[in-house]
Amino acid sequence: MAGKTRFIKSITASAKTDVPAMPWARGARRAAFIAKRTAGELEVKAA
């Protein structure tokens, strides 16, 4: 039951904030992940 209580507390705390975090507004963390992913792509040769 402690896990459920902690979950409910986190939900109420995030609801009380002025601006909840939206998935499309992840900012620098998302940009860094995309840059890392695109930089790591290898050139694949077709047979």
C-alpha atoms as a PDB file:
ATOM      1  CA  MET A   1       0.000   0.000   0.000  1.00  0.00           C
ATOM      2  CA  ALA A   2       2.969   2.314   0.541  1.00  0.00           C
ATOM      3  CA  GLY A   3       3.690   2.353  -3.174  1.00  0.00           C
ATOM      4  CA  LYS A   4       0.163   3.440  -3.975  1.00  0.00           C
ATOM      5  CA  THR A   5       0.327   6.225  -1.391  1.00  0.00           C
ATOM      6  CA  ARG A   6       3.605   7.483  -2.831  1.00  0.00           C
ATOM      7  CA  PHE A   7       2.101   7.448  -6.329  1.00  0.00           C
ATOM      8  CA  ILE A   8      -0.926   9.452  -5.224  1.00  0.00           C
ATOM      9  CA  LYS A   9       1.304  11.978  -3.436  1.00  0.00           C
ATOM     10  CA  SER A  10       3.408  12.465  -6.578  1.00  0.00           C
ATOM     11  CA  ILE A  11       0.296  12.943  -8.707  1.00  0.00           C
ATOM     12  CA  THR A  12      -1.159  15.562  -6.359  1.00  0.00           C
ATOM     13  CA  ALA A  13       2.186  17.359  -6.140  1.00  0.00           C
ATOM     14  CA  SER A  14       2.505  17.547  -9.927  1.00  0.00           C
ATOM     15  CA  ALA A  15      -1.098  18.717 -10.233  1.00  0.00           C
ATOM     16  CA  LYS A  16      -0.416  21.592  -7.836  1.00  0.00           C
ATOM     17  CA  THR A  17       2.438  22.975  -9.944  1.00  0.00           C
ATOM     18  CA  ASP A  18       1.633  25.927 -12.177  1.00  0.00           C
ATOM     19  CA  VAL A  19       2.757  24.351 -15.416  1.00  0.00           C
ATOM     20  CA  PRO A  20       2.727  20.566 -15.663  1.00  0.00           C
ATOM     21  CA  ALA A  21       5.456  19.017 -17.801  1.00  0.00           C
ATOM     22  CA  MET A  22       4.180  18.170 -21.263  1.00  0.00           C
ATOM     23  CA  PRO A  23       5.775  15.355 -23.275  1.00  0.00           C
ATOM     24  CA  TRP A  24       6.551  17.580 -26.242  1.00  0.00           C
ATOM     25  CA  ALA A  25       8.331  20.174 -24.080  1.00  0.00           C
ATOM     26  CA  ARG A  26      11.270  18.120 -22.897  1.00  0.00           C
ATOM     27  CA  GLY A  27      13.843  20.672 -23.958  1.00  0.00           C
ATOM     28  CA  ALA A  28      17.589  20.129 -23.729  1.00  0.00           C
ATOM     29  CA  ARG A  29      17.415  16.505 -22.618  1.00  0.00           C
ATOM     30  CA  ARG A  30      15.416  15.507 -25.697  1.00  0.00           C
ATOM     31  CA  ALA A  31      17.610  17.555 -28.035  1.00  0.00           C
ATOM     32  CA  ALA A  32      20.740  15.896 -26.639  1.00  0.00           C
ATOM     33  CA  PHE A  33      19.235  12.438 -27.092  1.00  0.00           C
ATOM     34  CA  ILE A  34      18.258  13.153 -30.701  1.00  0.00           C
ATOM     35  CA  ALA A  35      21.710  14.583 -31.476  1.00  0.00           C
ATOM     36  CA  LYS A  36      23.372  11.531 -29.964  1.00  0.00           C
ATOM     37  CA  ARG A  37      21.156   9.175 -31.936  1.00  0.00           C
ATOM     38  CA  THR A  38      21.665  10.926 -35.284  1.00  0.00           C
ATOM     39  CA  ALA A  39      25.422  11.264 -34.769  1.00  0.00           C
ATOM     40  CA  GLY A  40      25.771   7.565 -34.051  1.00  0.00           C
ATOM     41  CA  GLU A  41      24.135   6.337 -37.249  1.00  0.00           C
ATOM     42  CA  LEU A  42      26.386   4.296 -39.474  1.00  0.00           C
ATOM     43  CA  GLU A  43      26.385   4.394 -43.227  1.00  0.00           C
ATOM     44  CA  VAL A  44      24.983   1.089 -44.408  1.00  0.00           C
ATOM     45  CA  LYS A  45      25.979  -0.174 -47.828  1.00  0.00           C
ATOM     46  CA  ALA A  46      23.417  -1.974 -49.947  1.00  0.00           C
ATOM     47  CA  ALA A  47      24.412  -5.340 -51.317  1.00  0.00           C
END
